[in-house]
Amino acid sequence: MSDPEKLEQLSASVKRLDNLFSRFQAEQTVIINSLVIVSRSDEYESVDSPVTDTVKAVIDEIYKIVDRVSEATVAIQPVPIRQSFSALPKINLPSFNGSIVNWCAFRDSFKSFVHDDTNVDNIHKFQLLSQSLTGSALSVIKSIPLSASNYNVAWAALTDRFENKRLLATAHLDKLFTFKPMAQESVPTLIAF
C-alpha cells in the first residue's frame, strides 16, 4: 500500500471518528437534558468535560497532521521521467561532410535530435556530434578536446564556419546553374532536379 493510500485511509478514519464524536455529543446532550430534569446534571458534567475536551483536542490535532502530510506529499510529488519509445524505429543521426549545401538540413536535424534535448548531457552531445561529421566538417572540430564544456565551443565553431548566408546562397545558386537541362519532361527528371 502506498503512502497516498495510507493518507486517504487515515483521513477517512478521522472523519468517521469526528462523526462518531459528533453523535456522542448529541447523545450526551440528550443525557444531560434528562439529568437536568432529575436534578443531577452537575455530577455528569464534572466527569464528562475533561474527556470530551481531550477527545476533541486529539481529533483536531490529527486533522492538522493530515493537512501537513497532505501538503508535504503534494510538494514532493515525483517528476515523471521521460520514457523511451521502444516501439519506434531507431532514428539514425544525420551526417555532414562539409558540403555547405547540406549544412541547413544537418543543422536542423541535429538540433532537433540532440542539441535541443535537455536529457542528453554535453559530453554525450559532443560525442554524437563528432560521430556525425566527416571530411572538412570534422576537421573544424578535430582539434577541440572532447569534454562537456567544449561541446558549445565545437558547435559554435561549426556554425561560424558553415552558417554563412552569403556562402549558402552562392552554393545553392551554383547548384542551380550547373544543373543539366532536362532531356525530356518526366516525373523522375523533375524529382532529380
N, C-alpha and C. Protein backbone atom coordinates (compact mmCIF):
# COMPACT_ATOMS: atom_id res chain seq x y z
N MET A 1 0.85 -1.17 0.00
CA MET A 1 0.00 0.00 0.00
C MET A 1 0.90 1.24 0.00
N SER A 2 0.61 2.20 -0.86
CA SER A 2 1.46 3.38 -0.96
C SER A 2 1.07 4.42 0.09
N ASP A 3 1.95 5.39 0.28
CA ASP A 3 1.71 6.44 1.27
C ASP A 3 0.46 7.26 0.99
N PRO A 4 0.18 7.65 -0.27
CA PRO A 4 -1.07 8.38 -0.51
C PRO A 4 -2.31 7.57 -0.13
N GLU A 5 -2.26 6.25 -0.33
CA GLU A 5 -3.41 5.41 0.06
C GLU A 5 -3.56 5.40 1.58
N LYS A 6 -2.44 5.31 2.30
CA LYS A 6 -2.49 5.34 3.76
C LYS A 6 -3.03 6.67 4.25
N LEU A 7 -2.62 7.74 3.59
CA LEU A 7 -3.09 9.07 3.97
C LEU A 7 -4.59 9.18 3.75
N GLU A 8 -5.09 8.64 2.64
CA GLU A 8 -6.53 8.66 2.38
C GLU A 8 -7.28 7.85 3.43
N GLN A 9 -6.74 6.69 3.80
CA GLN A 9 -7.39 5.86 4.83
C GLN A 9 -7.40 6.58 6.17
N LEU A 10 -6.29 7.21 6.52
CA LEU A 10 -6.23 7.96 7.78
C LEU A 10 -7.23 9.10 7.77
N SER A 11 -7.30 9.80 6.66
CA SER A 11 -8.25 10.91 6.53
C SER A 11 -9.68 10.42 6.69
N ALA A 12 -10.01 9.31 6.05
CA ALA A 12 -11.37 8.75 6.17
C ALA A 12 -11.65 8.30 7.60
N SER A 13 -10.66 7.70 8.25
CA SER A 13 -10.84 7.25 9.64
C SER A 13 -11.07 8.43 10.58
N VAL A 14 -10.33 9.50 10.36
CA VAL A 14 -10.51 10.69 11.21
C VAL A 14 -11.89 11.29 11.00
N LYS A 15 -12.36 11.30 9.77
CA LYS A 15 -13.72 11.83 9.51
C LYS A 15 -14.77 10.97 10.20
N ARG A 16 -14.59 9.63 10.14
CA ARG A 16 -15.53 8.75 10.84
C ARG A 16 -15.49 8.99 12.35
N LEU A 17 -14.27 9.15 12.88
CA LEU A 17 -14.12 9.43 14.31
C LEU A 17 -14.80 10.75 14.67
N ASP A 18 -14.63 11.74 13.83
CA ASP A 18 -15.25 13.04 14.07
C ASP A 18 -16.77 12.92 14.04
N ASN A 19 -17.30 12.14 13.09
CA ASN A 19 -18.76 11.91 13.02
C ASN A 19 -19.25 11.18 14.27
N LEU A 20 -18.51 10.16 14.70
CA LEU A 20 -18.89 9.44 15.92
C LEU A 20 -18.87 10.36 17.13
N PHE A 21 -17.86 11.22 17.18
CA PHE A 21 -17.77 12.15 18.30
C PHE A 21 -18.94 13.14 18.28
N SER A 22 -19.33 13.58 17.09
CA SER A 22 -20.49 14.48 16.98
C SER A 22 -21.76 13.78 17.46
N ARG A 23 -21.91 12.51 17.06
CA ARG A 23 -23.08 11.75 17.52
C ARG A 23 -23.03 11.54 19.04
N PHE A 24 -21.80 11.29 19.56
CA PHE A 24 -21.63 11.14 21.00
C PHE A 24 -22.06 12.42 21.71
N GLN A 25 -21.64 13.56 21.17
CA GLN A 25 -22.01 14.83 21.80
C GLN A 25 -23.52 15.05 21.76
N ALA A 26 -24.16 14.64 20.66
CA ALA A 26 -25.63 14.78 20.58
C ALA A 26 -26.30 13.90 21.62
N GLU A 27 -25.81 12.65 21.76
CA GLU A 27 -26.37 11.75 22.78
C GLU A 27 -26.10 12.29 24.18
N GLN A 28 -24.92 12.85 24.35
CA GLN A 28 -24.55 13.41 25.64
C GLN A 28 -25.50 14.56 26.01
N THR A 29 -25.84 15.37 25.03
CA THR A 29 -26.77 16.46 25.29
C THR A 29 -28.13 15.93 25.72
N VAL A 30 -28.58 14.85 25.08
CA VAL A 30 -29.85 14.23 25.47
C VAL A 30 -29.76 13.74 26.91
N ILE A 31 -28.64 13.10 27.27
CA ILE A 31 -28.46 12.57 28.63
C ILE A 31 -28.43 13.73 29.64
N ILE A 32 -27.69 14.78 29.31
CA ILE A 32 -27.62 15.92 30.24
C ILE A 32 -29.00 16.54 30.43
N ASN A 33 -29.74 16.66 29.34
CA ASN A 33 -31.10 17.21 29.46
C ASN A 33 -31.96 16.33 30.35
N SER A 34 -31.77 15.02 30.22
CA SER A 34 -32.53 14.10 31.09
C SER A 34 -32.09 14.26 32.55
N LEU A 35 -30.78 14.43 32.78
CA LEU A 35 -30.28 14.61 34.14
C LEU A 35 -30.74 15.95 34.74
N VAL A 36 -30.88 16.95 33.88
CA VAL A 36 -31.38 18.24 34.37
C VAL A 36 -32.79 18.06 34.92
N ILE A 37 -33.55 17.23 34.21
CA ILE A 37 -34.94 17.00 34.65
C ILE A 37 -34.95 16.36 36.03
N VAL A 38 -34.02 15.44 36.29
CA VAL A 38 -33.99 14.76 37.60
C VAL A 38 -33.06 15.46 38.59
N SER A 39 -32.56 16.63 38.22
CA SER A 39 -31.71 17.47 39.08
C SER A 39 -30.38 16.82 39.44
N ARG A 40 -29.71 16.12 38.51
CA ARG A 40 -28.39 15.52 38.78
C ARG A 40 -27.37 15.89 37.68
N SER A 41 -27.57 16.93 36.93
CA SER A 41 -26.70 17.28 35.80
C SER A 41 -25.29 17.66 36.23
N ASP A 42 -25.09 18.24 37.42
CA ASP A 42 -23.75 18.65 37.85
C ASP A 42 -22.82 17.46 38.06
N GLU A 43 -23.31 16.30 38.42
CA GLU A 43 -22.48 15.10 38.58
C GLU A 43 -21.91 14.66 37.23
N TYR A 44 -22.72 14.63 36.23
CA TYR A 44 -22.31 14.14 34.91
C TYR A 44 -21.33 15.10 34.25
N GLU A 45 -21.58 16.39 34.32
CA GLU A 45 -20.73 17.38 33.67
C GLU A 45 -19.32 17.39 34.24
N SER A 46 -19.16 17.16 35.51
CA SER A 46 -17.82 17.19 36.11
C SER A 46 -16.95 16.04 35.61
N VAL A 47 -17.51 14.91 35.28
CA VAL A 47 -16.75 13.77 34.76
C VAL A 47 -16.54 13.92 33.26
N ASP A 48 -17.56 14.40 32.57
CA ASP A 48 -17.56 14.42 31.11
C ASP A 48 -16.65 15.48 30.52
N SER A 49 -16.58 16.64 31.06
CA SER A 49 -15.89 17.77 30.46
C SER A 49 -14.43 17.49 30.09
N PRO A 50 -13.59 16.95 30.96
CA PRO A 50 -12.20 16.68 30.56
C PRO A 50 -12.09 15.63 29.45
N VAL A 51 -12.95 14.64 29.45
CA VAL A 51 -12.90 13.58 28.43
C VAL A 51 -13.26 14.15 27.06
N THR A 52 -14.35 14.88 26.97
CA THR A 52 -14.76 15.43 25.67
C THR A 52 -13.75 16.45 25.16
N ASP A 53 -13.20 17.25 26.07
CA ASP A 53 -12.18 18.22 25.64
C ASP A 53 -10.95 17.51 25.09
N THR A 54 -10.53 16.43 25.73
CA THR A 54 -9.36 15.67 25.28
C THR A 54 -9.62 15.02 23.93
N VAL A 55 -10.80 14.40 23.78
CA VAL A 55 -11.13 13.74 22.50
C VAL A 55 -11.16 14.77 21.38
N LYS A 56 -11.79 15.92 21.63
CA LYS A 56 -11.87 16.96 20.59
C LYS A 56 -10.47 17.48 20.25
N ALA A 57 -9.61 17.65 21.25
CA ALA A 57 -8.24 18.12 21.00
C ALA A 57 -7.45 17.10 20.18
N VAL A 58 -7.64 15.82 20.47
CA VAL A 58 -6.94 14.77 19.70
C VAL A 58 -7.41 14.77 18.25
N ILE A 59 -8.72 14.87 18.04
CA ILE A 59 -9.26 14.89 16.66
C ILE A 59 -8.72 16.10 15.91
N ASP A 60 -8.72 17.27 16.54
CA ASP A 60 -8.19 18.47 15.89
C ASP A 60 -6.71 18.32 15.54
N GLU A 61 -5.95 17.72 16.44
CA GLU A 61 -4.51 17.51 16.20
C GLU A 61 -4.29 16.55 15.03
N ILE A 62 -5.10 15.50 14.96
CA ILE A 62 -4.97 14.54 13.84
C ILE A 62 -5.29 15.24 12.52
N TYR A 63 -6.32 16.10 12.50
CA TYR A 63 -6.64 16.85 11.29
C TYR A 63 -5.45 17.72 10.86
N LYS A 64 -4.80 18.36 11.82
CA LYS A 64 -3.64 19.20 11.50
C LYS A 64 -2.51 18.35 10.91
N ILE A 65 -2.27 17.18 11.49
CA ILE A 65 -1.21 16.30 10.99
C ILE A 65 -1.53 15.83 9.57
N VAL A 66 -2.78 15.45 9.33
CA VAL A 66 -3.19 15.00 7.98
C VAL A 66 -2.99 16.14 6.98
N ASP A 67 -3.36 17.37 7.36
CA ASP A 67 -3.18 18.50 6.46
C ASP A 67 -1.70 18.75 6.15
N ARG A 68 -0.84 18.67 7.19
CA ARG A 68 0.60 18.88 6.97
C ARG A 68 1.17 17.81 6.06
N VAL A 69 0.80 16.56 6.30
CA VAL A 69 1.30 15.46 5.48
C VAL A 69 0.79 15.59 4.05
N SER A 70 -0.47 16.00 3.89
CA SER A 70 -1.02 16.19 2.54
C SER A 70 -0.26 17.26 1.79
N GLU A 71 0.03 18.38 2.46
CA GLU A 71 0.78 19.45 1.81
C GLU A 71 2.19 18.99 1.45
N ALA A 72 2.83 18.25 2.34
CA ALA A 72 4.18 17.75 2.08
C ALA A 72 4.17 16.75 0.92
N THR A 73 3.13 15.92 0.85
CA THR A 73 3.03 14.94 -0.23
C THR A 73 2.85 15.64 -1.56
N VAL A 74 2.04 16.70 -1.59
CA VAL A 74 1.83 17.45 -2.83
C VAL A 74 3.13 18.14 -3.23
N ALA A 75 3.87 18.66 -2.25
CA ALA A 75 5.11 19.39 -2.54
C ALA A 75 6.20 18.48 -3.10
N ILE A 76 6.21 17.19 -2.75
CA ILE A 76 7.28 16.31 -3.22
C ILE A 76 6.77 15.24 -4.18
N GLN A 77 5.77 15.58 -4.99
CA GLN A 77 5.30 14.63 -5.99
C GLN A 77 6.44 14.32 -6.94
N PRO A 78 6.63 13.08 -7.30
CA PRO A 78 7.73 12.74 -8.19
C PRO A 78 7.52 13.33 -9.58
N VAL A 79 8.61 13.77 -10.19
CA VAL A 79 8.55 14.31 -11.53
C VAL A 79 8.52 13.13 -12.49
N PRO A 80 7.58 13.13 -13.43
CA PRO A 80 7.53 12.00 -14.35
C PRO A 80 8.80 11.93 -15.19
N ILE A 81 9.32 10.74 -15.33
CA ILE A 81 10.53 10.53 -16.10
C ILE A 81 10.13 10.26 -17.54
N ARG A 82 10.84 10.91 -18.43
CA ARG A 82 10.55 10.74 -19.84
C ARG A 82 10.92 9.31 -20.24
N GLN A 83 9.94 8.61 -20.78
CA GLN A 83 10.18 7.22 -21.15
C GLN A 83 10.54 7.14 -22.62
N SER A 84 11.39 6.19 -22.94
CA SER A 84 11.74 6.00 -24.34
C SER A 84 10.64 5.19 -25.02
N PHE A 85 10.52 5.39 -26.29
CA PHE A 85 9.51 4.69 -27.07
C PHE A 85 10.20 3.55 -27.80
N SER A 86 10.24 2.39 -27.16
CA SER A 86 10.95 1.26 -27.74
C SER A 86 10.25 0.71 -28.98
N ALA A 87 8.97 1.04 -29.16
CA ALA A 87 8.24 0.54 -30.31
C ALA A 87 8.61 1.32 -31.58
N LEU A 88 9.15 2.53 -31.41
CA LEU A 88 9.51 3.33 -32.57
C LEU A 88 10.84 2.84 -33.15
N PRO A 89 11.00 2.95 -34.46
CA PRO A 89 12.27 2.53 -35.04
C PRO A 89 13.38 3.49 -34.64
N LYS A 90 14.61 2.98 -34.60
CA LYS A 90 15.75 3.81 -34.24
C LYS A 90 15.99 4.84 -35.34
N ILE A 91 16.21 6.07 -34.93
CA ILE A 91 16.48 7.14 -35.89
C ILE A 91 17.98 7.33 -35.98
N ASN A 92 18.50 7.24 -37.20
CA ASN A 92 19.93 7.47 -37.40
C ASN A 92 20.20 8.96 -37.43
N LEU A 93 21.26 9.36 -36.76
CA LEU A 93 21.63 10.77 -36.75
C LEU A 93 22.09 11.18 -38.14
N PRO A 94 21.84 12.43 -38.49
CA PRO A 94 22.30 12.90 -39.81
C PRO A 94 23.82 13.00 -39.83
N SER A 95 24.38 12.93 -41.02
CA SER A 95 25.83 13.10 -41.14
C SER A 95 26.09 14.33 -42.00
N PHE A 96 27.25 14.92 -41.79
CA PHE A 96 27.60 16.13 -42.53
C PHE A 96 29.07 16.05 -42.92
N ASN A 97 29.32 16.23 -44.22
CA ASN A 97 30.68 16.09 -44.74
C ASN A 97 31.37 17.41 -45.01
N GLY A 98 30.70 18.51 -44.76
CA GLY A 98 31.30 19.82 -45.00
C GLY A 98 30.76 20.50 -46.24
N SER A 99 29.90 19.82 -47.00
CA SER A 99 29.28 20.45 -48.17
C SER A 99 28.27 21.48 -47.68
N ILE A 100 28.51 22.72 -48.01
CA ILE A 100 27.70 23.80 -47.44
C ILE A 100 26.23 23.71 -47.84
N VAL A 101 25.93 23.10 -48.98
CA VAL A 101 24.51 22.98 -49.39
C VAL A 101 23.75 22.01 -48.48
N ASN A 102 24.47 21.15 -47.77
CA ASN A 102 23.82 20.20 -46.85
C ASN A 102 23.79 20.70 -45.40
N TRP A 103 24.39 21.87 -45.14
CA TRP A 103 24.50 22.36 -43.77
C TRP A 103 23.15 22.57 -43.10
N CYS A 104 22.23 23.24 -43.76
CA CYS A 104 20.93 23.58 -43.13
C CYS A 104 20.17 22.32 -42.73
N ALA A 105 20.17 21.32 -43.60
CA ALA A 105 19.46 20.07 -43.28
C ALA A 105 20.12 19.38 -42.09
N PHE A 106 21.47 19.34 -42.09
CA PHE A 106 22.18 18.73 -40.96
C PHE A 106 21.92 19.50 -39.67
N ARG A 107 22.08 20.81 -39.73
CA ARG A 107 21.91 21.64 -38.53
C ARG A 107 20.53 21.45 -37.92
N ASP A 108 19.48 21.52 -38.75
CA ASP A 108 18.12 21.40 -38.24
C ASP A 108 17.86 20.01 -37.63
N SER A 109 18.32 18.98 -38.32
CA SER A 109 18.12 17.62 -37.80
C SER A 109 18.90 17.39 -36.52
N PHE A 110 20.16 17.79 -36.51
CA PHE A 110 20.99 17.55 -35.33
C PHE A 110 20.46 18.34 -34.13
N LYS A 111 20.02 19.57 -34.38
CA LYS A 111 19.48 20.37 -33.28
C LYS A 111 18.22 19.72 -32.70
N SER A 112 17.35 19.23 -33.56
CA SER A 112 16.10 18.65 -33.04
C SER A 112 16.34 17.31 -32.34
N PHE A 113 17.28 16.51 -32.82
CA PHE A 113 17.54 15.20 -32.20
C PHE A 113 18.45 15.27 -30.98
N VAL A 114 19.44 16.17 -31.01
CA VAL A 114 20.48 16.14 -29.98
C VAL A 114 20.64 17.49 -29.27
N HIS A 115 20.96 18.52 -30.01
CA HIS A 115 21.36 19.81 -29.43
C HIS A 115 20.32 20.38 -28.47
N ASP A 116 19.05 20.34 -28.84
CA ASP A 116 17.99 20.93 -28.01
C ASP A 116 17.42 19.96 -26.99
N ASP A 117 17.91 18.75 -26.94
CA ASP A 117 17.41 17.76 -25.99
C ASP A 117 18.09 17.95 -24.64
N THR A 118 17.32 18.38 -23.64
CA THR A 118 17.88 18.65 -22.31
C THR A 118 18.22 17.38 -21.54
N ASN A 119 17.77 16.24 -22.01
CA ASN A 119 18.06 14.98 -21.33
C ASN A 119 19.42 14.39 -21.72
N VAL A 120 20.05 14.97 -22.73
CA VAL A 120 21.36 14.49 -23.17
C VAL A 120 22.41 15.45 -22.63
N ASP A 121 23.40 14.93 -21.92
CA ASP A 121 24.44 15.81 -21.36
C ASP A 121 25.42 16.23 -22.45
N ASN A 122 26.17 17.30 -22.18
CA ASN A 122 27.03 17.91 -23.19
C ASN A 122 28.14 16.99 -23.68
N ILE A 123 28.69 16.16 -22.82
CA ILE A 123 29.75 15.25 -23.26
C ILE A 123 29.21 14.25 -24.29
N HIS A 124 28.00 13.78 -24.05
CA HIS A 124 27.37 12.85 -24.98
C HIS A 124 27.01 13.58 -26.28
N LYS A 125 26.54 14.83 -26.17
CA LYS A 125 26.24 15.62 -27.37
C LYS A 125 27.50 15.79 -28.23
N PHE A 126 28.62 16.09 -27.56
CA PHE A 126 29.88 16.28 -28.28
C PHE A 126 30.29 14.99 -28.99
N GLN A 127 30.15 13.87 -28.31
CA GLN A 127 30.49 12.58 -28.90
C GLN A 127 29.62 12.30 -30.12
N LEU A 128 28.31 12.56 -30.00
CA LEU A 128 27.40 12.34 -31.12
C LEU A 128 27.71 13.29 -32.28
N LEU A 129 28.07 14.52 -31.95
CA LEU A 129 28.42 15.48 -32.99
C LEU A 129 29.64 15.02 -33.76
N SER A 130 30.69 14.62 -33.06
CA SER A 130 31.90 14.20 -33.76
C SER A 130 31.68 12.92 -34.58
N GLN A 131 30.77 12.05 -34.12
CA GLN A 131 30.45 10.85 -34.90
C GLN A 131 29.65 11.18 -36.15
N SER A 132 28.94 12.30 -36.14
CA SER A 132 28.10 12.68 -37.28
C SER A 132 28.87 13.44 -38.35
N LEU A 133 30.09 13.85 -38.06
CA LEU A 133 30.85 14.67 -39.01
C LEU A 133 31.91 13.84 -39.74
N THR A 134 32.13 14.22 -40.99
CA THR A 134 33.20 13.63 -41.80
C THR A 134 33.85 14.75 -42.60
N GLY A 135 34.96 14.44 -43.23
CA GLY A 135 35.60 15.38 -44.15
C GLY A 135 35.97 16.71 -43.52
N SER A 136 35.71 17.79 -44.28
CA SER A 136 36.12 19.12 -43.82
C SER A 136 35.33 19.56 -42.59
N ALA A 137 34.13 19.04 -42.40
CA ALA A 137 33.34 19.39 -41.21
C ALA A 137 34.01 18.83 -39.96
N LEU A 138 34.51 17.61 -40.05
CA LEU A 138 35.20 17.00 -38.91
C LEU A 138 36.49 17.74 -38.59
N SER A 139 37.18 18.22 -39.63
CA SER A 139 38.44 18.92 -39.39
C SER A 139 38.23 20.24 -38.63
N VAL A 140 37.02 20.81 -38.69
CA VAL A 140 36.74 22.05 -37.95
C VAL A 140 36.81 21.82 -36.45
N ILE A 141 36.35 20.65 -35.97
CA ILE A 141 36.30 20.41 -34.52
C ILE A 141 37.33 19.38 -34.04
N LYS A 142 38.12 18.82 -34.97
CA LYS A 142 39.04 17.74 -34.62
C LYS A 142 40.04 18.15 -33.54
N SER A 143 40.47 19.40 -33.54
CA SER A 143 41.49 19.84 -32.58
C SER A 143 40.90 20.23 -31.22
N ILE A 144 39.59 20.24 -31.09
CA ILE A 144 38.94 20.61 -29.82
C ILE A 144 38.86 19.37 -28.94
N PRO A 145 39.42 19.42 -27.72
CA PRO A 145 39.38 18.24 -26.83
C PRO A 145 37.94 17.85 -26.47
N LEU A 146 37.70 16.57 -26.39
CA LEU A 146 36.37 16.05 -26.07
C LEU A 146 36.10 16.23 -24.57
N SER A 147 35.21 17.19 -24.25
CA SER A 147 34.79 17.41 -22.86
C SER A 147 33.43 18.08 -22.88
N ALA A 148 32.74 18.03 -21.76
CA ALA A 148 31.39 18.60 -21.67
C ALA A 148 31.42 20.11 -21.93
N SER A 149 32.42 20.78 -21.39
CA SER A 149 32.48 22.24 -21.55
C SER A 149 32.83 22.66 -22.97
N ASN A 150 33.44 21.77 -23.75
CA ASN A 150 33.84 22.11 -25.11
C ASN A 150 32.76 21.83 -26.15
N TYR A 151 31.64 21.22 -25.76
CA TYR A 151 30.59 20.95 -26.75
C TYR A 151 30.10 22.24 -27.38
N ASN A 152 29.81 23.24 -26.55
CA ASN A 152 29.31 24.52 -27.08
C ASN A 152 30.37 25.21 -27.94
N VAL A 153 31.64 25.03 -27.59
CA VAL A 153 32.73 25.60 -28.40
C VAL A 153 32.74 24.93 -29.78
N ALA A 154 32.60 23.61 -29.80
CA ALA A 154 32.60 22.87 -31.07
C ALA A 154 31.40 23.26 -31.93
N TRP A 155 30.23 23.36 -31.30
CA TRP A 155 29.02 23.73 -32.05
C TRP A 155 29.17 25.15 -32.60
N ALA A 156 29.72 26.06 -31.81
CA ALA A 156 29.93 27.44 -32.27
C ALA A 156 30.93 27.47 -33.43
N ALA A 157 31.97 26.65 -33.38
CA ALA A 157 32.96 26.60 -34.47
C ALA A 157 32.30 26.14 -35.76
N LEU A 158 31.44 25.14 -35.66
CA LEU A 158 30.73 24.66 -36.86
C LEU A 158 29.79 25.73 -37.41
N THR A 159 29.03 26.36 -36.54
CA THR A 159 28.09 27.38 -37.03
C THR A 159 28.84 28.58 -37.59
N ASP A 160 29.97 28.95 -36.98
CA ASP A 160 30.76 30.06 -37.53
C ASP A 160 31.26 29.73 -38.93
N ARG A 161 31.64 28.49 -39.13
CA ARG A 161 32.21 28.07 -40.42
C ARG A 161 31.13 27.89 -41.50
N PHE A 162 30.00 27.29 -41.15
CA PHE A 162 29.02 26.91 -42.18
C PHE A 162 27.73 27.73 -42.17
N GLU A 163 27.54 28.61 -41.22
CA GLU A 163 26.29 29.38 -41.13
C GLU A 163 26.44 30.72 -41.87
N ASN A 164 27.22 30.76 -42.90
CA ASN A 164 27.45 31.97 -43.69
C ASN A 164 26.37 32.05 -44.76
N LYS A 165 25.45 33.00 -44.60
CA LYS A 165 24.30 33.07 -45.51
C LYS A 165 24.72 33.39 -46.95
N ARG A 166 25.73 34.21 -47.11
CA ARG A 166 26.18 34.54 -48.46
C ARG A 166 26.74 33.28 -49.15
N LEU A 167 27.57 32.52 -48.42
CA LEU A 167 28.12 31.28 -48.99
C LEU A 167 27.01 30.26 -49.28
N LEU A 168 26.03 30.18 -48.38
CA LEU A 168 24.91 29.25 -48.59
C LEU A 168 24.14 29.62 -49.86
N ALA A 169 23.82 30.90 -50.02
CA ALA A 169 23.08 31.35 -51.20
C ALA A 169 23.88 31.11 -52.47
N THR A 170 25.18 31.42 -52.41
CA THR A 170 26.04 31.22 -53.58
C THR A 170 26.11 29.74 -53.95
N ALA A 171 26.25 28.87 -52.96
CA ALA A 171 26.34 27.43 -53.23
C ALA A 171 25.04 26.91 -53.84
N HIS A 172 23.91 27.37 -53.36
CA HIS A 172 22.64 26.91 -53.93
C HIS A 172 22.45 27.45 -55.35
N LEU A 173 22.83 28.69 -55.59
CA LEU A 173 22.74 29.23 -56.95
C LEU A 173 23.67 28.48 -57.90
N ASP A 174 24.88 28.20 -57.45
CA ASP A 174 25.81 27.42 -58.29
C ASP A 174 25.22 26.07 -58.65
N LYS A 175 24.59 25.44 -57.69
CA LYS A 175 23.98 24.12 -57.94
C LYS A 175 22.86 24.25 -58.98
N LEU A 176 22.07 25.32 -58.88
CA LEU A 176 21.00 25.54 -59.86
C LEU A 176 21.56 25.78 -61.26
N PHE A 177 22.60 26.62 -61.35
CA PHE A 177 23.12 26.98 -62.66
C PHE A 177 23.92 25.85 -63.31
N THR A 178 24.46 24.93 -62.52
CA THR A 178 25.22 23.83 -63.10
C THR A 178 24.36 22.61 -63.41
N PHE A 179 23.09 22.70 -63.13
CA PHE A 179 22.20 21.57 -63.39
C PHE A 179 22.00 21.45 -64.90
N LYS A 180 22.12 20.23 -65.42
CA LYS A 180 21.96 19.98 -66.85
C LYS A 180 20.49 20.15 -67.23
N PRO A 181 20.23 20.70 -68.39
CA PRO A 181 18.84 20.84 -68.84
C PRO A 181 18.18 19.47 -68.99
N MET A 182 16.89 19.44 -68.79
CA MET A 182 16.15 18.18 -68.89
C MET A 182 16.02 17.77 -70.35
N ALA A 183 16.32 16.50 -70.61
CA ALA A 183 16.19 15.97 -71.96
C ALA A 183 14.71 15.80 -72.30
N GLN A 184 13.95 15.38 -71.34
CA GLN A 184 12.50 15.23 -71.55
C GLN A 184 11.79 15.54 -70.24
N GLU A 185 10.58 16.02 -70.35
CA GLU A 185 9.82 16.33 -69.15
C GLU A 185 9.18 15.07 -68.61
N SER A 186 9.62 14.67 -67.43
CA SER A 186 9.06 13.49 -66.79
C SER A 186 9.19 13.65 -65.27
N VAL A 187 8.44 12.83 -64.56
CA VAL A 187 8.47 12.90 -63.10
C VAL A 187 9.86 12.57 -62.56
N PRO A 188 10.52 11.50 -63.01
CA PRO A 188 11.86 11.20 -62.47
C PRO A 188 12.87 12.34 -62.68
N THR A 189 12.83 13.01 -63.84
CA THR A 189 13.79 14.10 -64.06
C THR A 189 13.45 15.31 -63.19
N LEU A 190 12.16 15.54 -62.95
CA LEU A 190 11.78 16.64 -62.04
C LEU A 190 12.20 16.33 -60.61
N ILE A 191 12.07 15.08 -60.21
CA ILE A 191 12.50 14.68 -58.86
C ILE A 191 14.00 14.84 -58.73
N ALA A 192 14.76 14.47 -59.77
CA ALA A 192 16.21 14.60 -59.74
C ALA A 192 16.63 16.06 -59.69
N PHE A 193 15.82 16.95 -60.25
CA PHE A 193 16.12 18.37 -60.25
C PHE A 193 16.07 18.89 -58.83
